[in-house]
N, C-alpha and C. Protein backbone atom coordinates (compact mmCIF):
# COMPACT_ATOMS: atom_id res chain seq x y z
N MET A 1 12.30 10.36 17.57
CA MET A 1 12.59 10.94 16.28
C MET A 1 12.55 9.84 15.22
N PHE A 2 11.92 10.12 14.12
CA PHE A 2 11.76 9.14 13.04
C PHE A 2 12.81 9.39 11.96
N LYS A 3 13.45 8.31 11.52
CA LYS A 3 14.46 8.41 10.46
C LYS A 3 14.04 7.70 9.18
N LYS A 4 13.20 6.66 9.30
CA LYS A 4 12.73 5.93 8.12
C LYS A 4 11.23 5.68 8.26
N LEU A 5 10.50 6.20 7.28
CA LEU A 5 9.05 6.04 7.26
C LEU A 5 8.67 5.09 6.14
N LEU A 6 7.68 4.25 6.39
CA LEU A 6 7.15 3.36 5.37
C LEU A 6 5.66 3.64 5.23
N VAL A 7 5.25 4.01 4.02
CA VAL A 7 3.84 4.24 3.75
C VAL A 7 3.38 3.23 2.71
N ALA A 8 2.24 2.60 2.99
CA ALA A 8 1.67 1.62 2.06
C ALA A 8 0.61 2.31 1.21
N ILE A 9 0.65 2.00 -0.09
CA ILE A 9 -0.33 2.57 -1.01
C ILE A 9 -1.05 1.45 -1.74
N ASP A 10 -2.23 1.79 -2.26
CA ASP A 10 -3.00 0.80 -3.02
C ASP A 10 -3.77 1.44 -4.18
N GLY A 11 -3.48 2.71 -4.46
CA GLY A 11 -4.16 3.38 -5.55
C GLY A 11 -5.43 4.09 -5.13
N SER A 12 -5.80 4.02 -3.86
CA SER A 12 -7.02 4.66 -3.37
C SER A 12 -6.75 6.10 -2.96
N ASP A 13 -7.81 6.87 -2.81
CA ASP A 13 -7.69 8.26 -2.36
C ASP A 13 -7.09 8.33 -0.96
N ILE A 14 -7.52 7.43 -0.07
CA ILE A 14 -7.01 7.47 1.29
C ILE A 14 -5.52 7.11 1.32
N ALA A 15 -5.08 6.25 0.41
CA ALA A 15 -3.65 5.92 0.34
C ALA A 15 -2.85 7.16 -0.10
N MET A 16 -3.40 7.93 -1.01
CA MET A 16 -2.73 9.17 -1.42
C MET A 16 -2.68 10.16 -0.27
N HIS A 17 -3.73 10.18 0.54
CA HIS A 17 -3.73 11.04 1.74
C HIS A 17 -2.63 10.57 2.70
N ALA A 18 -2.49 9.25 2.85
CA ALA A 18 -1.43 8.69 3.70
C ALA A 18 -0.05 9.07 3.13
N LEU A 19 0.09 9.04 1.81
CA LEU A 19 1.36 9.44 1.19
C LEU A 19 1.67 10.90 1.48
N ARG A 20 0.67 11.76 1.31
CA ARG A 20 0.89 13.19 1.59
C ARG A 20 1.33 13.38 3.05
N THR A 21 0.70 12.62 3.95
CA THR A 21 1.07 12.68 5.36
C THR A 21 2.51 12.21 5.55
N ALA A 22 2.88 11.12 4.90
CA ALA A 22 4.23 10.57 5.03
C ALA A 22 5.27 11.56 4.52
N ILE A 23 5.00 12.18 3.39
CA ILE A 23 5.96 13.15 2.85
C ILE A 23 6.09 14.35 3.78
N SER A 24 4.97 14.82 4.31
CA SER A 24 5.02 15.93 5.28
C SER A 24 5.82 15.54 6.52
N GLU A 25 5.56 14.36 7.05
CA GLU A 25 6.30 13.87 8.22
C GLU A 25 7.78 13.69 7.88
N GLY A 26 8.06 13.21 6.68
CA GLY A 26 9.44 13.04 6.25
C GLY A 26 10.19 14.37 6.24
N ILE A 27 9.52 15.41 5.81
CA ILE A 27 10.14 16.74 5.80
C ILE A 27 10.37 17.22 7.23
N ILE A 28 9.36 17.05 8.08
CA ILE A 28 9.48 17.49 9.48
C ILE A 28 10.63 16.78 10.18
N TRP A 29 10.73 15.47 10.00
CA TRP A 29 11.72 14.66 10.71
C TRP A 29 13.02 14.48 9.93
N ASN A 30 13.09 15.05 8.72
CA ASN A 30 14.25 14.84 7.85
C ASN A 30 14.52 13.34 7.69
N ALA A 31 13.45 12.62 7.38
CA ALA A 31 13.49 11.15 7.33
C ALA A 31 13.38 10.65 5.91
N GLU A 32 13.90 9.44 5.69
CA GLU A 32 13.70 8.74 4.42
C GLU A 32 12.24 8.31 4.34
N VAL A 33 11.66 8.44 3.15
CA VAL A 33 10.29 7.98 2.95
C VAL A 33 10.31 6.82 1.97
N HIS A 34 9.83 5.68 2.44
CA HIS A 34 9.72 4.48 1.62
C HIS A 34 8.24 4.25 1.34
N VAL A 35 7.93 3.92 0.09
CA VAL A 35 6.56 3.69 -0.34
C VAL A 35 6.47 2.25 -0.84
N VAL A 36 5.47 1.52 -0.36
CA VAL A 36 5.30 0.13 -0.80
C VAL A 36 3.91 -0.07 -1.39
N TYR A 37 3.90 -0.75 -2.51
CA TYR A 37 2.66 -1.25 -3.12
C TYR A 37 2.79 -2.77 -3.12
N VAL A 38 1.87 -3.43 -2.45
CA VAL A 38 1.90 -4.88 -2.39
C VAL A 38 0.88 -5.44 -3.37
N ILE A 39 1.39 -6.17 -4.35
CA ILE A 39 0.53 -6.83 -5.33
C ILE A 39 0.09 -8.14 -4.69
N ASN A 40 -1.20 -8.29 -4.54
CA ASN A 40 -1.74 -9.45 -3.83
C ASN A 40 -2.30 -10.46 -4.83
N PRO A 41 -1.52 -11.47 -5.20
CA PRO A 41 -2.01 -12.46 -6.15
C PRO A 41 -3.14 -13.31 -5.57
N GLY A 42 -3.30 -13.28 -4.26
CA GLY A 42 -4.40 -14.01 -3.62
C GLY A 42 -5.76 -13.51 -4.08
N ILE A 43 -5.83 -12.23 -4.44
CA ILE A 43 -7.09 -11.68 -4.94
C ILE A 43 -7.47 -12.36 -6.25
N SER A 44 -6.50 -12.54 -7.14
CA SER A 44 -6.82 -13.17 -8.43
C SER A 44 -7.12 -14.64 -8.25
N ARG A 45 -6.46 -15.31 -7.29
CA ARG A 45 -6.78 -16.72 -7.05
C ARG A 45 -8.21 -16.86 -6.60
N GLY A 46 -8.67 -15.95 -5.75
CA GLY A 46 -10.05 -15.99 -5.30
C GLY A 46 -11.03 -15.82 -6.46
N MET A 47 -10.67 -14.96 -7.40
CA MET A 47 -11.52 -14.77 -8.57
C MET A 47 -11.57 -16.02 -9.42
N MET A 48 -10.46 -16.73 -9.52
CA MET A 48 -10.41 -17.90 -10.37
C MET A 48 -11.28 -19.03 -9.83
N LEU A 49 -11.66 -18.96 -8.56
CA LEU A 49 -12.49 -20.00 -7.98
C LEU A 49 -13.97 -19.72 -8.18
N SER A 50 -14.29 -18.74 -9.01
CA SER A 50 -15.68 -18.38 -9.26
C SER A 50 -16.49 -19.59 -9.75
N PRO A 51 -17.69 -19.79 -9.19
CA PRO A 51 -18.51 -20.93 -9.62
C PRO A 51 -19.02 -20.80 -11.05
N THR A 52 -18.96 -19.60 -11.61
CA THR A 52 -19.39 -19.40 -12.99
C THR A 52 -18.19 -18.93 -13.81
N PRO A 53 -17.40 -19.88 -14.31
CA PRO A 53 -16.15 -19.52 -14.98
C PRO A 53 -16.34 -18.67 -16.23
N ASP A 54 -17.51 -18.70 -16.83
CA ASP A 54 -17.70 -17.91 -18.04
C ASP A 54 -17.89 -16.43 -17.74
N VAL A 55 -18.06 -16.07 -16.46
CA VAL A 55 -18.26 -14.68 -16.09
C VAL A 55 -16.93 -13.94 -16.03
N LEU A 56 -15.87 -14.64 -15.74
CA LEU A 56 -14.58 -14.02 -15.53
C LEU A 56 -13.51 -14.76 -16.31
N ASN A 57 -12.64 -14.01 -16.95
CA ASN A 57 -11.51 -14.64 -17.61
C ASN A 57 -10.56 -15.12 -16.52
N ASN A 58 -10.44 -16.43 -16.39
CA ASN A 58 -9.65 -16.95 -15.28
C ASN A 58 -8.22 -17.31 -15.70
N ASN A 59 -7.68 -16.56 -16.62
CA ASN A 59 -6.29 -16.72 -17.04
C ASN A 59 -5.41 -16.05 -15.98
N PRO A 60 -4.65 -16.83 -15.19
CA PRO A 60 -3.86 -16.23 -14.10
C PRO A 60 -2.82 -15.24 -14.59
N GLU A 61 -2.22 -15.48 -15.76
CA GLU A 61 -1.23 -14.53 -16.28
C GLU A 61 -1.88 -13.18 -16.60
N LEU A 62 -3.07 -13.22 -17.19
CA LEU A 62 -3.78 -11.98 -17.50
C LEU A 62 -4.16 -11.25 -16.22
N LEU A 63 -4.65 -11.99 -15.23
CA LEU A 63 -5.03 -11.35 -13.96
C LEU A 63 -3.81 -10.73 -13.28
N ASN A 64 -2.68 -11.43 -13.28
CA ASN A 64 -1.47 -10.86 -12.69
C ASN A 64 -1.01 -9.63 -13.45
N GLU A 65 -1.13 -9.67 -14.77
CA GLU A 65 -0.77 -8.51 -15.60
C GLU A 65 -1.63 -7.31 -15.24
N LEU A 66 -2.93 -7.54 -15.02
CA LEU A 66 -3.82 -6.45 -14.62
C LEU A 66 -3.44 -5.89 -13.25
N LEU A 67 -3.06 -6.77 -12.33
CA LEU A 67 -2.63 -6.31 -11.00
C LEU A 67 -1.35 -5.48 -11.10
N VAL A 68 -0.42 -5.89 -11.95
CA VAL A 68 0.82 -5.13 -12.13
C VAL A 68 0.53 -3.78 -12.77
N THR A 69 -0.36 -3.76 -13.75
CA THR A 69 -0.74 -2.50 -14.40
C THR A 69 -1.34 -1.53 -13.40
N GLU A 70 -2.20 -2.05 -12.53
CA GLU A 70 -2.82 -1.23 -11.49
C GLU A 70 -1.75 -0.70 -10.53
N ALA A 71 -0.81 -1.55 -10.16
CA ALA A 71 0.28 -1.13 -9.26
C ALA A 71 1.12 -0.04 -9.92
N ASN A 72 1.47 -0.23 -11.17
CA ASN A 72 2.29 0.75 -11.88
C ASN A 72 1.58 2.10 -11.97
N ARG A 73 0.29 2.06 -12.19
CA ARG A 73 -0.49 3.31 -12.27
C ARG A 73 -0.45 4.05 -10.92
N ALA A 74 -0.64 3.31 -9.85
CA ALA A 74 -0.62 3.91 -8.51
C ALA A 74 0.77 4.47 -8.20
N ILE A 75 1.81 3.73 -8.54
CA ILE A 75 3.18 4.16 -8.28
C ILE A 75 3.52 5.41 -9.10
N GLU A 76 3.05 5.45 -10.32
CA GLU A 76 3.28 6.64 -11.16
C GLU A 76 2.63 7.87 -10.52
N GLU A 77 1.43 7.71 -9.99
CA GLU A 77 0.75 8.82 -9.32
C GLU A 77 1.55 9.29 -8.10
N VAL A 78 2.09 8.34 -7.37
CA VAL A 78 2.92 8.65 -6.20
C VAL A 78 4.18 9.40 -6.62
N GLU A 79 4.84 8.92 -7.65
CA GLU A 79 6.06 9.57 -8.13
C GLU A 79 5.78 10.99 -8.62
N ASP A 80 4.65 11.17 -9.31
CA ASP A 80 4.27 12.51 -9.77
C ASP A 80 4.05 13.46 -8.60
N TYR A 81 3.34 12.96 -7.59
CA TYR A 81 3.08 13.82 -6.42
C TYR A 81 4.40 14.15 -5.70
N ALA A 82 5.24 13.15 -5.50
CA ALA A 82 6.52 13.39 -4.81
C ALA A 82 7.35 14.42 -5.57
N ALA A 83 7.32 14.35 -6.89
CA ALA A 83 8.08 15.32 -7.70
C ALA A 83 7.57 16.74 -7.47
N THR A 84 6.25 16.91 -7.33
CA THR A 84 5.71 18.25 -7.10
C THR A 84 6.14 18.79 -5.74
N GLN A 85 6.48 17.90 -4.82
CA GLN A 85 6.92 18.30 -3.48
C GLN A 85 8.44 18.31 -3.34
N SER A 86 9.13 18.01 -4.43
CA SER A 86 10.59 17.87 -4.42
C SER A 86 11.04 16.88 -3.34
N ALA A 87 10.25 15.84 -3.16
CA ALA A 87 10.54 14.83 -2.14
C ALA A 87 11.20 13.61 -2.79
N LEU A 88 12.24 13.13 -2.14
CA LEU A 88 12.87 11.90 -2.58
C LEU A 88 12.18 10.74 -1.88
N ILE A 89 11.76 9.74 -2.67
CA ILE A 89 11.09 8.58 -2.10
C ILE A 89 11.75 7.31 -2.63
N ASN A 90 11.61 6.26 -1.88
CA ASN A 90 12.10 4.94 -2.27
C ASN A 90 10.88 4.06 -2.52
N ILE A 91 10.77 3.55 -3.73
CA ILE A 91 9.60 2.74 -4.13
C ILE A 91 9.93 1.26 -3.96
N HIS A 92 8.98 0.54 -3.40
CA HIS A 92 9.10 -0.92 -3.25
C HIS A 92 7.83 -1.56 -3.82
N ARG A 93 8.03 -2.55 -4.67
CA ARG A 93 6.92 -3.36 -5.18
C ARG A 93 7.10 -4.75 -4.58
N GLU A 94 6.10 -5.22 -3.89
CA GLU A 94 6.18 -6.54 -3.26
C GLU A 94 5.01 -7.39 -3.74
N TRP A 95 5.17 -8.70 -3.68
CA TRP A 95 4.11 -9.66 -4.02
C TRP A 95 3.77 -10.43 -2.76
N GLY A 96 2.48 -10.58 -2.49
CA GLY A 96 2.07 -11.39 -1.35
C GLY A 96 0.90 -10.77 -0.62
N ASP A 97 0.74 -11.21 0.60
CA ASP A 97 -0.33 -10.70 1.47
C ASP A 97 0.15 -9.37 2.05
N PRO A 98 -0.58 -8.29 1.79
CA PRO A 98 -0.14 -6.98 2.28
C PRO A 98 0.08 -6.94 3.78
N ARG A 99 -0.73 -7.68 4.54
CA ARG A 99 -0.58 -7.68 6.00
C ARG A 99 0.79 -8.19 6.41
N GLU A 100 1.32 -9.13 5.68
CA GLU A 100 2.64 -9.68 5.99
C GLU A 100 3.76 -8.88 5.35
N GLU A 101 3.57 -8.52 4.10
CA GLU A 101 4.65 -7.85 3.34
C GLU A 101 4.99 -6.48 3.89
N ILE A 102 4.00 -5.75 4.37
CA ILE A 102 4.26 -4.42 4.94
C ILE A 102 5.14 -4.55 6.18
N LEU A 103 4.79 -5.50 7.04
CA LEU A 103 5.58 -5.71 8.27
C LEU A 103 6.98 -6.23 7.96
N THR A 104 7.08 -7.13 6.99
CA THR A 104 8.39 -7.67 6.61
C THR A 104 9.29 -6.57 6.08
N LEU A 105 8.75 -5.74 5.17
CA LEU A 105 9.55 -4.65 4.60
C LEU A 105 9.93 -3.65 5.68
N ALA A 106 9.01 -3.32 6.57
CA ALA A 106 9.33 -2.39 7.66
C ALA A 106 10.52 -2.89 8.46
N SER A 107 10.55 -4.18 8.71
CA SER A 107 11.67 -4.77 9.44
C SER A 107 12.96 -4.72 8.60
N GLU A 108 12.86 -5.06 7.33
CA GLU A 108 14.04 -5.09 6.45
C GLU A 108 14.71 -3.72 6.31
N ILE A 109 13.91 -2.67 6.25
CA ILE A 109 14.48 -1.33 6.06
C ILE A 109 14.70 -0.61 7.39
N ASN A 110 14.36 -1.29 8.50
CA ASN A 110 14.46 -0.69 9.84
C ASN A 110 13.63 0.58 9.96
N ALA A 111 12.39 0.51 9.51
CA ALA A 111 11.48 1.66 9.59
C ALA A 111 11.18 1.98 11.06
N ASP A 112 11.02 3.27 11.32
CA ASP A 112 10.62 3.75 12.65
C ASP A 112 9.13 3.99 12.73
N LEU A 113 8.50 4.16 11.58
CA LEU A 113 7.08 4.53 11.53
C LEU A 113 6.47 3.93 10.27
N ILE A 114 5.31 3.30 10.45
CA ILE A 114 4.50 2.80 9.33
C ILE A 114 3.28 3.71 9.24
N ILE A 115 2.97 4.14 8.02
CA ILE A 115 1.80 5.00 7.80
C ILE A 115 0.88 4.29 6.82
N LEU A 116 -0.39 4.17 7.21
CA LEU A 116 -1.39 3.47 6.39
C LEU A 116 -2.67 4.28 6.33
N GLY A 117 -3.39 4.13 5.24
CA GLY A 117 -4.74 4.67 5.17
C GLY A 117 -5.67 3.78 5.99
N SER A 118 -6.74 4.35 6.50
CA SER A 118 -7.65 3.58 7.35
C SER A 118 -8.37 2.49 6.58
N THR A 119 -8.67 2.75 5.33
CA THR A 119 -9.29 1.74 4.46
C THR A 119 -8.73 1.92 3.08
N GLY A 120 -8.97 0.94 2.24
CA GLY A 120 -8.46 1.02 0.87
C GLY A 120 -9.55 1.38 -0.10
N LYS A 121 -9.61 0.62 -1.17
CA LYS A 121 -10.53 0.89 -2.25
C LYS A 121 -11.96 0.55 -1.86
N THR A 122 -12.89 0.78 -2.77
CA THR A 122 -14.29 0.53 -2.47
C THR A 122 -14.64 -0.95 -2.61
N GLY A 123 -15.81 -1.30 -2.14
CA GLY A 123 -16.32 -2.66 -2.29
C GLY A 123 -15.53 -3.67 -1.49
N LEU A 124 -15.34 -4.86 -2.06
CA LEU A 124 -14.63 -5.93 -1.39
C LEU A 124 -13.20 -5.53 -1.07
N SER A 125 -12.55 -4.84 -1.98
CA SER A 125 -11.17 -4.42 -1.72
C SER A 125 -11.10 -3.52 -0.50
N ARG A 126 -12.10 -2.66 -0.32
CA ARG A 126 -12.11 -1.78 0.84
C ARG A 126 -12.18 -2.60 2.12
N LEU A 127 -13.02 -3.61 2.12
CA LEU A 127 -13.13 -4.48 3.28
C LEU A 127 -11.80 -5.18 3.55
N LEU A 128 -11.19 -5.74 2.51
CA LEU A 128 -9.93 -6.46 2.67
C LEU A 128 -8.81 -5.53 3.11
N LEU A 129 -8.72 -4.37 2.49
CA LEU A 129 -7.62 -3.46 2.81
C LEU A 129 -7.82 -2.79 4.15
N GLY A 130 -9.09 -2.60 4.56
CA GLY A 130 -9.35 -2.11 5.91
C GLY A 130 -8.81 -3.10 6.92
N SER A 131 -8.93 -4.38 6.60
CA SER A 131 -8.39 -5.40 7.50
C SER A 131 -6.87 -5.38 7.48
N VAL A 132 -6.27 -4.90 6.39
CA VAL A 132 -4.81 -4.77 6.33
C VAL A 132 -4.35 -3.75 7.38
N SER A 133 -4.97 -2.58 7.40
CA SER A 133 -4.55 -1.56 8.36
C SER A 133 -4.77 -2.06 9.79
N SER A 134 -5.88 -2.72 10.05
CA SER A 134 -6.13 -3.26 11.39
C SER A 134 -5.10 -4.30 11.77
N SER A 135 -4.78 -5.20 10.84
CA SER A 135 -3.82 -6.25 11.11
C SER A 135 -2.43 -5.69 11.35
N VAL A 136 -1.99 -4.77 10.51
CA VAL A 136 -0.66 -4.18 10.66
C VAL A 136 -0.59 -3.43 12.00
N LEU A 137 -1.62 -2.68 12.32
CA LEU A 137 -1.64 -1.94 13.58
C LEU A 137 -1.52 -2.90 14.77
N GLU A 138 -2.23 -4.00 14.69
CA GLU A 138 -2.23 -4.99 15.77
C GLU A 138 -0.88 -5.69 15.92
N GLN A 139 -0.24 -6.02 14.78
CA GLN A 139 0.97 -6.84 14.81
C GLN A 139 2.28 -6.04 14.80
N SER A 140 2.22 -4.78 14.49
CA SER A 140 3.44 -3.99 14.36
C SER A 140 4.12 -3.80 15.71
N THR A 141 5.44 -3.89 15.68
CA THR A 141 6.23 -3.65 16.89
C THR A 141 6.81 -2.24 16.90
N ILE A 142 6.50 -1.46 15.84
CA ILE A 142 6.96 -0.07 15.78
C ILE A 142 5.75 0.84 15.71
N THR A 143 5.97 2.12 15.87
CA THR A 143 4.89 3.09 15.81
C THR A 143 4.19 2.99 14.47
N THR A 144 2.87 2.96 14.52
CA THR A 144 2.06 2.84 13.31
C THR A 144 0.98 3.92 13.33
N MET A 145 0.91 4.68 12.26
CA MET A 145 -0.06 5.76 12.14
C MET A 145 -1.13 5.35 11.12
N ILE A 146 -2.39 5.45 11.55
CA ILE A 146 -3.51 5.19 10.64
C ILE A 146 -4.08 6.56 10.26
N VAL A 147 -4.09 6.84 8.98
CA VAL A 147 -4.56 8.13 8.47
C VAL A 147 -6.01 7.99 8.02
N ARG A 148 -6.83 8.88 8.49
CA ARG A 148 -8.24 8.90 8.07
C ARG A 148 -8.46 10.10 7.18
N GLN A 149 -9.31 9.92 6.20
CA GLN A 149 -9.60 11.03 5.28
C GLN A 149 -10.76 11.81 5.82
N LYS A 150 -10.60 13.12 5.84
CA LYS A 150 -11.69 14.00 6.29
C LYS A 150 -12.79 13.96 5.24
N GLU A 151 -14.01 13.96 5.74
CA GLU A 151 -15.14 13.95 4.80
C GLU A 151 -15.67 15.32 4.57
């Protein structure tokens, strides 16, 4: 029986599908649903190392601000959806490597189940976030559900 669920989101469609799954499971198990968005500053550091600095504004404060704005947008979408389902959720914003932060938070809140989308956003982010779900699945000591989106 699950009492605390942790679902990771990243603003992608598959993450929203994972959220819908988490809320449904939360209702079935009468469990707390925790939602985490991990802001990964490593992505912006990688951008700042671009060999053509004139192509990208390499102001780290601006890049971090953009990452926070993106996180807030995704969290707002999650809160709106949860409200339509009359679901109570606990929001967590973390900074760091999602592969580590998801597992750390799961341990901190004593989660029984981690729910992740199979992949994240498109392009490079999709590749990186797909590796997040694989890494969490591999390293997790608790039940981990990978949600795939039907095509």
